[in-house]
Amino acid sequence: MNHRAAIKVICDEFCITQVILHGRSRKADLVDVRRITAHIMKFNFGLRGRAIARVLQRDRSMISHYLSGFDNLIETDIALRVKYERALRAINTTTYNM
């Protein structure tokens, strides 16, 4: 599976379209999906910040923010952890790569 297929699977898992994922909404659930997608793109598909920013249609600094805070959030935010595990299951990956 490539990273584009993984994004489609993640969007399907959370019942959103890629247009919504790339949109400007700052709703917490959508930000969580973007954060999870960025993390998966980096650690499961080896994309760098600039490539992730292009794929998610975000600024590189936003991707950096998503990735830098992820490790702490995954430990403290149970809802985010559950969503992350759902996304990993959806793309048939069970390892947690930090």
PDB file of N, CA and C in Angstrom:
ATOM      1  N   MET A   1       0.856  -1.173   0.000  1.00  0.00           N
ATOM      2  CA  MET A   1       0.000   0.000   0.000  1.00  0.00           C
ATOM      3  C   MET A   1       0.898   1.231   0.000  1.00  0.00           C
ATOM      4  N   ASN A   2       0.576   2.195  -0.847  1.00  0.00           N
ATOM      5  CA  ASN A   2       1.335   3.442  -0.842  1.00  0.00           C
ATOM      6  C   ASN A   2       0.638   4.477   0.044  1.00  0.00           C
ATOM      7  N   HIS A   3       1.280   5.623   0.223  1.00  0.00           N
ATOM      8  CA  HIS A   3       0.742   6.615   1.148  1.00  0.00           C
ATOM      9  C   HIS A   3      -0.578   7.211   0.667  1.00  0.00           C
ATOM     10  N   ARG A   4      -0.777   7.334  -0.619  1.00  0.00           N
ATOM     11  CA  ARG A   4      -2.048   7.880  -1.122  1.00  0.00           C
ATOM     12  C   ARG A   4      -3.210   6.926  -0.849  1.00  0.00           C
ATOM     13  N   ALA A   5      -2.970   5.644  -1.027  1.00  0.00           N
ATOM     14  CA  ALA A   5      -3.996   4.654  -0.718  1.00  0.00           C
ATOM     15  C   ALA A   5      -4.291   4.639   0.781  1.00  0.00           C
ATOM     16  N   ALA A   6      -3.247   4.802   1.592  1.00  0.00           N
ATOM     17  CA  ALA A   6      -3.432   4.836   3.050  1.00  0.00           C
ATOM     18  C   ALA A   6      -4.292   6.025   3.461  1.00  0.00           C
ATOM     19  N   ILE A   7      -4.082   7.172   2.833  1.00  0.00           N
ATOM     20  CA  ILE A   7      -4.898   8.354   3.152  1.00  0.00           C
ATOM     21  C   ILE A   7      -6.356   8.083   2.826  1.00  0.00           C
ATOM     22  N   LYS A   8      -6.612   7.460   1.695  1.00  0.00           N
ATOM     23  CA  LYS A   8      -7.993   7.136   1.327  1.00  0.00           C
ATOM     24  C   LYS A   8      -8.612   6.190   2.351  1.00  0.00           C
ATOM     25  N   VAL A   9      -7.853   5.186   2.775  1.00  0.00           N
ATOM     26  CA  VAL A   9      -8.348   4.225   3.763  1.00  0.00           C
ATOM     27  C   VAL A   9      -8.630   4.922   5.093  1.00  0.00           C
ATOM     28  N   ILE A  10      -7.739   5.811   5.509  1.00  0.00           N
ATOM     29  CA  ILE A  10      -7.934   6.551   6.765  1.00  0.00           C
ATOM     30  C   ILE A  10      -9.178   7.429   6.674  1.00  0.00           C
ATOM     31  N   CYS A  11      -9.350   8.114   5.563  1.00  0.00           N
ATOM     32  CA  CYS A  11     -10.545   8.947   5.378  1.00  0.00           C
ATOM     33  C   CYS A  11     -11.810   8.098   5.432  1.00  0.00           C
ATOM     34  N   ASP A  12     -11.779   6.950   4.770  1.00  0.00           N
ATOM     35  CA  ASP A  12     -12.938   6.055   4.808  1.00  0.00           C
ATOM     36  C   ASP A  12     -13.214   5.577   6.227  1.00  0.00           C
ATOM     37  N   GLU A  13     -12.164   5.269   6.968  1.00  0.00           N
ATOM     38  CA  GLU A  13     -12.318   4.785   8.337  1.00  0.00           C
ATOM     39  C   GLU A  13     -13.006   5.822   9.226  1.00  0.00           C
ATOM     40  N   PHE A  14     -12.701   7.097   9.015  1.00  0.00           N
ATOM     41  CA  PHE A  14     -13.273   8.160   9.849  1.00  0.00           C
ATOM     42  C   PHE A  14     -14.441   8.872   9.177  1.00  0.00           C
ATOM     43  N   CYS A  15     -14.924   8.293   8.070  1.00  0.00           N
ATOM     44  CA  CYS A  15     -16.115   8.803   7.366  1.00  0.00           C
ATOM     45  C   CYS A  15     -15.979  10.262   6.953  1.00  0.00           C
ATOM     46  N   ILE A  16     -14.824  10.599   6.406  1.00  0.00           N
ATOM     47  CA  ILE A  16     -14.627  11.939   5.864  1.00  0.00           C
ATOM     48  C   ILE A  16     -14.077  11.796   4.449  1.00  0.00           C
ATOM     49  N   THR A  17     -14.207  12.862   3.680  1.00  0.00           N
ATOM     50  CA  THR A  17     -13.636  12.854   2.337  1.00  0.00           C
ATOM     51  C   THR A  17     -12.243  13.471   2.395  1.00  0.00           C
ATOM     52  N   GLN A  18     -11.485  13.272   1.336  1.00  0.00           N
ATOM     53  CA  GLN A  18     -10.170  13.887   1.282  1.00  0.00           C
ATOM     54  C   GLN A  18     -10.298  15.402   1.177  1.00  0.00           C
ATOM     55  N   VAL A  19     -11.377  15.880   0.594  1.00  0.00           N
ATOM     56  CA  VAL A  19     -11.615  17.323   0.524  1.00  0.00           C
ATOM     57  C   VAL A  19     -11.757  17.890   1.937  1.00  0.00           C
ATOM     58  N   ILE A  20     -12.475  17.183   2.790  1.00  0.00           N
ATOM     59  CA  ILE A  20     -12.632  17.626   4.181  1.00  0.00           C
ATOM     60  C   ILE A  20     -11.293  17.549   4.909  1.00  0.00           C
ATOM     61  N   LEU A  21     -10.541  16.467   4.692  1.00  0.00           N
ATOM     62  CA  LEU A  21      -9.226  16.321   5.317  1.00  0.00           C
ATOM     63  C   LEU A  21      -8.318  17.490   4.943  1.00  0.00           C
ATOM     64  N   HIS A  22      -8.377  17.908   3.685  1.00  0.00           N
ATOM     65  CA  HIS A  22      -7.532  18.999   3.202  1.00  0.00           C
ATOM     66  C   HIS A  22      -8.119  20.374   3.483  1.00  0.00           C
ATOM     67  N   GLY A  23      -9.354  20.420   3.953  1.00  0.00           N
ATOM     68  CA  GLY A  23     -10.050  21.682   4.180  1.00  0.00           C
ATOM     69  C   GLY A  23      -9.473  22.504   5.321  1.00  0.00           C
ATOM     70  N   ARG A  24     -10.100  23.615   5.588  1.00  0.00           N
ATOM     71  CA  ARG A  24      -9.614  24.572   6.576  1.00  0.00           C
ATOM     72  C   ARG A  24     -10.222  24.390   7.970  1.00  0.00           C
ATOM     73  N   SER A  25     -11.126  23.440   8.135  1.00  0.00           N
ATOM     74  CA  SER A  25     -11.793  23.259   9.422  1.00  0.00           C
ATOM     75  C   SER A  25     -10.781  22.967  10.523  1.00  0.00           C
ATOM     76  N   ARG A  26     -11.034  23.562  11.697  1.00  0.00           N
ATOM     77  CA  ARG A  26     -10.175  23.327  12.850  1.00  0.00           C
ATOM     78  C   ARG A  26     -10.897  22.548  13.939  1.00  0.00           C
ATOM     79  N   LYS A  27     -11.940  21.823  13.548  1.00  0.00           N
ATOM     80  CA  LYS A  27     -12.647  20.979  14.517  1.00  0.00           C
ATOM     81  C   LYS A  27     -11.677  19.938  15.059  1.00  0.00           C
ATOM     82  N   ALA A  28     -11.787  19.672  16.331  1.00  0.00           N
ATOM     83  CA  ALA A  28     -10.832  18.797  17.006  1.00  0.00           C
ATOM     84  C   ALA A  28     -10.736  17.420  16.365  1.00  0.00           C
ATOM     85  N   ASP A  29     -11.865  16.843  15.981  1.00  0.00           N
ATOM     86  CA  ASP A  29     -11.825  15.516  15.372  1.00  0.00           C
ATOM     87  C   ASP A  29     -11.056  15.518  14.057  1.00  0.00           C
ATOM     88  N   LEU A  30     -11.225  16.551  13.262  1.00  0.00           N
ATOM     89  CA  LEU A  30     -10.503  16.634  11.992  1.00  0.00           C
ATOM     90  C   LEU A  30      -9.019  16.889  12.202  1.00  0.00           C
ATOM     91  N   VAL A  31      -8.702  17.709  13.181  1.00  0.00           N
ATOM     92  CA  VAL A  31      -7.286  17.954  13.497  1.00  0.00           C
ATOM     93  C   VAL A  31      -6.632  16.661  13.964  1.00  0.00           C
ATOM     94  N   ASP A  32      -7.359  15.872  14.748  1.00  0.00           N
ATOM     95  CA  ASP A  32      -6.824  14.579  15.184  1.00  0.00           C
ATOM     96  C   ASP A  32      -6.525  13.675  13.993  1.00  0.00           C
ATOM     97  N   VAL A  33      -7.438  13.625  13.029  1.00  0.00           N
ATOM     98  CA  VAL A  33      -7.218  12.779  11.854  1.00  0.00           C
ATOM     99  C   VAL A  33      -6.023  13.285  11.055  1.00  0.00           C
ATOM    100  N   ARG A  34      -5.887  14.596  10.914  1.00  0.00           N
ATOM    101  CA  ARG A  34      -4.722  15.154  10.214  1.00  0.00           C
ATOM    102  C   ARG A  34      -3.427  14.824  10.949  1.00  0.00           C
ATOM    103  N   ARG A  35      -3.452  14.957  12.254  1.00  0.00           N
ATOM    104  CA  ARG A  35      -2.281  14.666  13.078  1.00  0.00           C
ATOM    105  C   ARG A  35      -1.888  13.190  12.936  1.00  0.00           C
ATOM    106  N   ILE A  36      -2.862  12.312  13.016  1.00  0.00           N
ATOM    107  CA  ILE A  36      -2.622  10.875  12.870  1.00  0.00           C
ATOM    108  C   ILE A  36      -2.085  10.564  11.476  1.00  0.00           C
ATOM    109  N   THR A  37      -2.685  11.156  10.467  1.00  0.00           N
ATOM    110  CA  THR A  37      -2.253  10.919   9.092  1.00  0.00           C
ATOM    111  C   THR A  37      -0.814  11.383   8.893  1.00  0.00           C
ATOM    112  N   ALA A  38      -0.476  12.542   9.427  1.00  0.00           N
ATOM    113  CA  ALA A  38       0.894  13.042   9.306  1.00  0.00           C
ATOM    114  C   ALA A  38       1.872  12.083   9.967  1.00  0.00           C
ATOM    115  N   HIS A  39       1.519  11.593  11.148  1.00  0.00           N
ATOM    116  CA  HIS A  39       2.394  10.671  11.868  1.00  0.00           C
ATOM    117  C   HIS A  39       2.577   9.373  11.082  1.00  0.00           C
ATOM    118  N   ILE A  40       1.504   8.840  10.557  1.00  0.00           N
ATOM    119  CA  ILE A  40       1.584   7.610   9.774  1.00  0.00           C
ATOM    120  C   ILE A  40       2.393   7.835   8.501  1.00  0.00           C
ATOM    121  N   MET A  41       2.208   8.977   7.859  1.00  0.00           N
ATOM    122  CA  MET A  41       2.960   9.265   6.636  1.00  0.00           C
ATOM    123  C   MET A  41       4.465   9.308   6.914  1.00  0.00           C
ATOM    124  N   LYS A  42       4.836   9.849   8.069  1.00  0.00           N
ATOM    125  CA  LYS A  42       6.263   9.937   8.392  1.00  0.00           C
ATOM    126  C   LYS A  42       6.836   8.596   8.822  1.00  0.00           C
ATOM    127  N   PHE A  43       6.212   7.960   9.764  1.00  0.00           N
ATOM    128  CA  PHE A  43       6.827   6.789  10.380  1.00  0.00           C
ATOM    129  C   PHE A  43       6.490   5.464   9.703  1.00  0.00           C
ATOM    130  N   ASN A  44       5.414   5.411   8.938  1.00  0.00           N
ATOM    131  CA  ASN A  44       5.089   4.166   8.255  1.00  0.00           C
ATOM    132  C   ASN A  44       5.426   4.204   6.767  1.00  0.00           C
ATOM    133  N   PHE A  45       5.499   5.410   6.195  1.00  0.00           N
ATOM    134  CA  PHE A  45       5.777   5.525   4.765  1.00  0.00           C
ATOM    135  C   PHE A  45       7.047   6.314   4.469  1.00  0.00           C
ATOM    136  N   GLY A  46       7.697   6.844   5.500  1.00  0.00           N
ATOM    137  CA  GLY A  46       8.987   7.498   5.328  1.00  0.00           C
ATOM    138  C   GLY A  46       8.959   8.855   4.656  1.00  0.00           C
ATOM    139  N   LEU A  47       7.808   9.500   4.609  1.00  0.00           N
ATOM    140  CA  LEU A  47       7.742  10.828   4.010  1.00  0.00           C
ATOM    141  C   LEU A  47       8.344  11.859   4.949  1.00  0.00           C
ATOM    142  N   ARG A  48       8.920  12.881   4.375  1.00  0.00           N
ATOM    143  CA  ARG A  48       9.472  13.984   5.167  1.00  0.00           C
ATOM    144  C   ARG A  48       8.441  15.097   5.282  1.00  0.00           C
ATOM    145  N   GLY A  49       8.751  16.059   6.134  1.00  0.00           N
ATOM    146  CA  GLY A  49       7.818  17.138   6.433  1.00  0.00           C
ATOM    147  C   GLY A  49       7.268  17.860   5.222  1.00  0.00           C
ATOM    148  N   ARG A  50       8.128  18.186   4.291  1.00  0.00           N
ATOM    149  CA  ARG A  50       7.684  18.923   3.100  1.00  0.00           C
ATOM    150  C   ARG A  50       6.732  18.088   2.259  1.00  0.00           C
ATOM    151  N   ALA A  51       7.028  16.803   2.100  1.00  0.00           N
ATOM    152  CA  ALA A  51       6.157  15.914   1.322  1.00  0.00           C
ATOM    153  C   ALA A  51       4.809  15.728   2.024  1.00  0.00           C
ATOM    154  N   ILE A  52       4.839  15.582   3.333  1.00  0.00           N
ATOM    155  CA  ILE A  52       3.593  15.441   4.097  1.00  0.00           C
ATOM    156  C   ILE A  52       2.768  16.716   3.967  1.00  0.00           C
ATOM    157  N   ALA A  53       3.426  17.859   4.034  1.00  0.00           N
ATOM    158  CA  ALA A  53       2.730  19.139   3.895  1.00  0.00           C
ATOM    159  C   ALA A  53       2.041  19.228   2.534  1.00  0.00           C
ATOM    160  N   ARG A  54       2.712  18.776   1.493  1.00  0.00           N
ATOM    161  CA  ARG A  54       2.109  18.787   0.157  1.00  0.00           C
ATOM    162  C   ARG A  54       0.905  17.864   0.094  1.00  0.00           C
ATOM    163  N   VAL A  55       1.049  16.663   0.639  1.00  0.00           N
ATOM    164  CA  VAL A  55      -0.030  15.681   0.593  1.00  0.00           C
ATOM    165  C   VAL A  55      -1.246  16.155   1.379  1.00  0.00           C
ATOM    166  N   LEU A  56      -1.025  16.724   2.546  1.00  0.00           N
ATOM    167  CA  LEU A  56      -2.135  17.181   3.394  1.00  0.00           C
ATOM    168  C   LEU A  56      -2.551  18.624   3.116  1.00  0.00           C
ATOM    169  N   GLN A  57      -1.854  19.262   2.193  1.00  0.00           N
ATOM    170  CA  GLN A  57      -2.131  20.649   1.824  1.00  0.00           C
ATOM    171  C   GLN A  57      -2.093  21.572   3.043  1.00  0.00           C
ATOM    172  N   ARG A  58      -1.005  21.439   3.762  1.00  0.00           N
ATOM    173  CA  ARG A  58      -0.756  22.247   4.949  1.00  0.00           C
ATOM    174  C   ARG A  58       0.627  22.869   4.854  1.00  0.00           C
ATOM    175  N   ASP A  59       0.863  23.862   5.668  1.00  0.00           N
ATOM    176  CA  ASP A  59       2.173  24.480   5.768  1.00  0.00           C
ATOM    177  C   ASP A  59       3.124  23.518   6.468  1.00  0.00           C
ATOM    178  N   ARG A  60       4.389  23.566   6.094  1.00  0.00           N
ATOM    179  CA  ARG A  60       5.392  22.686   6.692  1.00  0.00           C
ATOM    180  C   ARG A  60       5.478  22.870   8.204  1.00  0.00           C
ATOM    181  N   SER A  61       5.310  24.083   8.678  1.00  0.00           N
ATOM    182  CA  SER A  61       5.378  24.323  10.122  1.00  0.00           C
ATOM    183  C   SER A  61       4.211  23.653  10.853  1.00  0.00           C
ATOM    184  N   MET A  62       3.064  23.562  10.204  1.00  0.00           N
ATOM    185  CA  MET A  62       1.917  22.881  10.818  1.00  0.00           C
ATOM    186  C   MET A  62       2.207  21.390  10.941  1.00  0.00           C
ATOM    187  N   ILE A  63       2.828  20.819   9.935  1.00  0.00           N
ATOM    188  CA  ILE A  63       3.193  19.402   9.989  1.00  0.00           C
ATOM    189  C   ILE A  63       4.197  19.171  11.115  1.00  0.00           C
ATOM    190  N   SER A  64       5.151  20.074  11.244  1.00  0.00           N
ATOM    191  CA  SER A  64       6.128  19.979  12.327  1.00  0.00           C
ATOM    192  C   SER A  64       5.425  20.019  13.682  1.00  0.00           C
ATOM    193  N   HIS A  65       4.452  20.890  13.809  1.00  0.00           N
ATOM    194  CA  HIS A  65       3.671  20.992  15.050  1.00  0.00           C
ATOM    195  C   HIS A  65       2.910  19.693  15.313  1.00  0.00           C
ATOM    196  N   TYR A  66       2.249  19.155  14.284  1.00  0.00           N
ATOM    197  CA  TYR A  66       1.528  17.891  14.432  1.00  0.00           C
ATOM    198  C   TYR A  66       2.454  16.788  14.938  1.00  0.00           C
ATOM    199  N   LEU A  67       3.626  16.695  14.346  1.00  0.00           N
ATOM    200  CA  LEU A  67       4.532  15.590  14.664  1.00  0.00           C
ATOM    201  C   LEU A  67       5.218  15.762  16.016  1.00  0.00           C
ATOM    202  N   SER A  68       5.596  16.991  16.356  1.00  0.00           N
ATOM    203  CA  SER A  68       6.325  17.197  17.608  1.00  0.00           C
ATOM    204  C   SER A  68       5.454  16.948  18.833  1.00  0.00           C
ATOM    205  N   GLY A  69       4.197  17.252  18.760  1.00  0.00           N
ATOM    206  CA  GLY A  69       3.323  17.068  19.909  1.00  0.00           C
ATOM    207  C   GLY A  69       2.669  15.704  19.977  1.00  0.00           C
ATOM    208  N   PHE A  70       2.844  14.893  18.946  1.00  0.00           N
ATOM    209  CA  PHE A  70       2.119  13.627  18.864  1.00  0.00           C
ATOM    210  C   PHE A  70       2.511  12.652  19.968  1.00  0.00           C
ATOM    211  N   ASP A  71       3.790  12.517  20.223  1.00  0.00           N
ATOM    212  CA  ASP A  71       4.251  11.538  21.219  1.00  0.00           C
ATOM    213  C   ASP A  71       3.662  11.807  22.601  1.00  0.00           C
ATOM    214  N   ASN A  72       3.626  13.066  22.995  1.00  0.00           N
ATOM    215  CA  ASN A  72       3.053  13.404  24.299  1.00  0.00           C
ATOM    216  C   ASN A  72       1.541  13.204  24.311  1.00  0.00           C
ATOM    217  N   LEU A  73       0.892  13.610  23.232  1.00  0.00           N
ATOM    218  CA  LEU A  73      -0.561  13.477  23.181  1.00  0.00           C
ATOM    219  C   LEU A  73      -1.020  12.028  23.178  1.00  0.00           C
ATOM    220  N   ILE A  74      -0.302  11.177  22.474  1.00  0.00           N
ATOM    221  CA  ILE A  74      -0.714   9.775  22.384  1.00  0.00           C
ATOM    222  C   ILE A  74      -0.657   9.103  23.760  1.00  0.00           C
ATOM    223  N   GLU A  75       0.203   9.610  24.626  1.00  0.00           N
ATOM    224  CA  GLU A  75       0.309   9.060  25.974  1.00  0.00           C
ATOM    225  C   GLU A  75      -0.790   9.564  26.905  1.00  0.00           C
ATOM    226  N   THR A  76      -1.267  10.780  26.674  1.00  0.00           N
ATOM    227  CA  THR A  76      -2.215  11.385  27.608  1.00  0.00           C
ATOM    228  C   THR A  76      -3.645  11.457  27.086  1.00  0.00           C
ATOM    229  N   ASP A  77      -3.824  11.491  25.785  1.00  0.00           N
ATOM    230  CA  ASP A  77      -5.157  11.637  25.186  1.00  0.00           C
ATOM    231  C   ASP A  77      -5.650  10.266  24.727  1.00  0.00           C
ATOM    232  N   ILE A  78      -6.519   9.672  25.525  1.00  0.00           N
ATOM    233  CA  ILE A  78      -7.008   8.325  25.230  1.00  0.00           C
ATOM    234  C   ILE A  78      -7.796   8.297  23.926  1.00  0.00           C
ATOM    235  N   ALA A  79      -8.601   9.324  23.671  1.00  0.00           N
ATOM    236  CA  ALA A  79      -9.395   9.366  22.439  1.00  0.00           C
ATOM    237  C   ALA A  79      -8.489   9.395  21.215  1.00  0.00           C
ATOM    238  N   LEU A  80      -7.406  10.164  21.273  1.00  0.00           N
ATOM    239  CA  LEU A  80      -6.459  10.214  20.160  1.00  0.00           C
ATOM    240  C   LEU A  80      -5.792   8.855  19.972  1.00  0.00           C
ATOM    241  N   ARG A  81      -5.435   8.203  21.061  1.00  0.00           N
ATOM    242  CA  ARG A  81      -4.799   6.885  20.980  1.00  0.00           C
ATOM    243  C   ARG A  81      -5.738   5.874  20.319  1.00  0.00           C
ATOM    244  N   VAL A  82      -7.015   5.913  20.692  1.00  0.00           N
ATOM    245  CA  VAL A  82      -7.996   4.999  20.102  1.00  0.00           C
ATOM    246  C   VAL A  82      -8.135   5.276  18.599  1.00  0.00           C
ATOM    247  N   LYS A  83      -8.193   6.539  18.221  1.00  0.00           N
ATOM    248  CA  LYS A  83      -8.286   6.890  16.796  1.00  0.00           C
ATOM    249  C   LYS A  83      -7.036   6.438  16.045  1.00  0.00           C
ATOM    250  N   TYR A  84      -5.872   6.616  16.666  1.00  0.00           N
ATOM    251  CA  TYR A  84      -4.621   6.206  16.034  1.00  0.00           C
ATOM    252  C   TYR A  84      -4.601   4.693  15.809  1.00  0.00           C
ATOM    253  N   GLU A  85      -5.017   3.937  16.808  1.00  0.00           N
ATOM    254  CA  GLU A  85      -5.055   2.489  16.673  1.00  0.00           C
ATOM    255  C   GLU A  85      -6.049   2.063  15.604  1.00  0.00           C
ATOM    256  N   ARG A  86      -7.184   2.775  15.514  1.00  0.00           N
ATOM    257  CA  ARG A  86      -8.168   2.509  14.453  1.00  0.00           C
ATOM    258  C   ARG A  86      -7.554   2.724  13.082  1.00  0.00           C
ATOM    259  N   ALA A  87      -6.821   3.824  12.940  1.00  0.00           N
ATOM    260  CA  ALA A  87      -6.185   4.136  11.653  1.00  0.00           C
ATOM    261  C   ALA A  87      -5.148   3.084  11.294  1.00  0.00           C
ATOM    262  N   LEU A  88      -4.363   2.654  12.266  1.00  0.00           N
ATOM    263  CA  LEU A  88      -3.361   1.615  12.008  1.00  0.00           C
ATOM    264  C   LEU A  88      -4.019   0.307  11.592  1.00  0.00           C
ATOM    265  N   ARG A  89      -5.092  -0.056  12.284  1.00  0.00           N
ATOM    266  CA  ARG A  89      -5.808  -1.277  11.899  1.00  0.00           C
ATOM    267  C   ARG A  89      -6.370  -1.155  10.492  1.00  0.00           C
ATOM    268  N   ALA A  90      -6.857   0.023  10.166  1.00  0.00           N
ATOM    269  CA  ALA A  90      -7.454   0.233   8.849  1.00  0.00           C
ATOM    270  C   ALA A  90      -6.437   0.053   7.731  1.00  0.00           C
ATOM    271  N   ILE A  91      -5.201   0.430   7.981  1.00  0.00           N
ATOM    272  CA  ILE A  91      -4.182   0.254   6.942  1.00  0.00           C
ATOM    273  C   ILE A  91      -3.361  -1.018   7.170  1.00  0.00           C
ATOM    274  N   ASN A  92      -3.870  -1.875   8.041  1.00  0.00           N
ATOM    275  CA  ASN A  92      -3.244  -3.176   8.317  1.00  0.00           C
ATOM    276  C   ASN A  92      -1.837  -3.060   8.887  1.00  0.00           C
ATOM    277  N   THR A  93      -1.644  -2.099   9.749  1.00  0.00           N
ATOM    278  CA  THR A  93      -0.372  -1.936  10.439  1.00  0.00           C
ATOM    279  C   THR A  93      -0.659  -1.967  11.920  1.00  0.00           C
ATOM    280  N   THR A  94       0.085  -2.752  12.652  1.00  0.00           N
ATOM    281  CA  THR A  94      -0.188  -2.856  14.082  1.00  0.00           C
ATOM    282  C   THR A  94       0.944  -2.338  14.933  1.00  0.00           C
ATOM    283  N   THR A  95       2.026  -1.864  14.322  1.00  0.00           N
ATOM    284  CA  THR A  95       3.143  -1.390  15.125  1.00  0.00           C
ATOM    285  C   THR A  95       2.988   0.082  15.416  1.00  0.00           C
ATOM    286  N   TYR A  96       3.417   0.485  16.579  1.00  0.00           N
ATOM    287  CA  TYR A  96       3.430   1.890  16.941  1.00  0.00           C
ATOM    288  C   TYR A  96       4.856   2.381  16.768  1.00  0.00           C
ATOM    289  N   ASN A  97       5.069   3.158  15.713  1.00  0.00           N
ATOM    290  CA  ASN A  97       6.412   3.665  15.403  1.00  0.00           C
ATOM    291  C   ASN A  97       6.547   5.094  15.886  1.00  0.00           C
ATOM    292  N   MET A  98       7.522   5.330  16.745  1.00  0.00           N
ATOM    293  CA  MET A  98       7.771   6.691  17.231  1.00  0.00           C
ATOM    294  C   MET A  98       9.086   7.162  16.738  1.00  0.00           C
TER     295      MET A  98
END
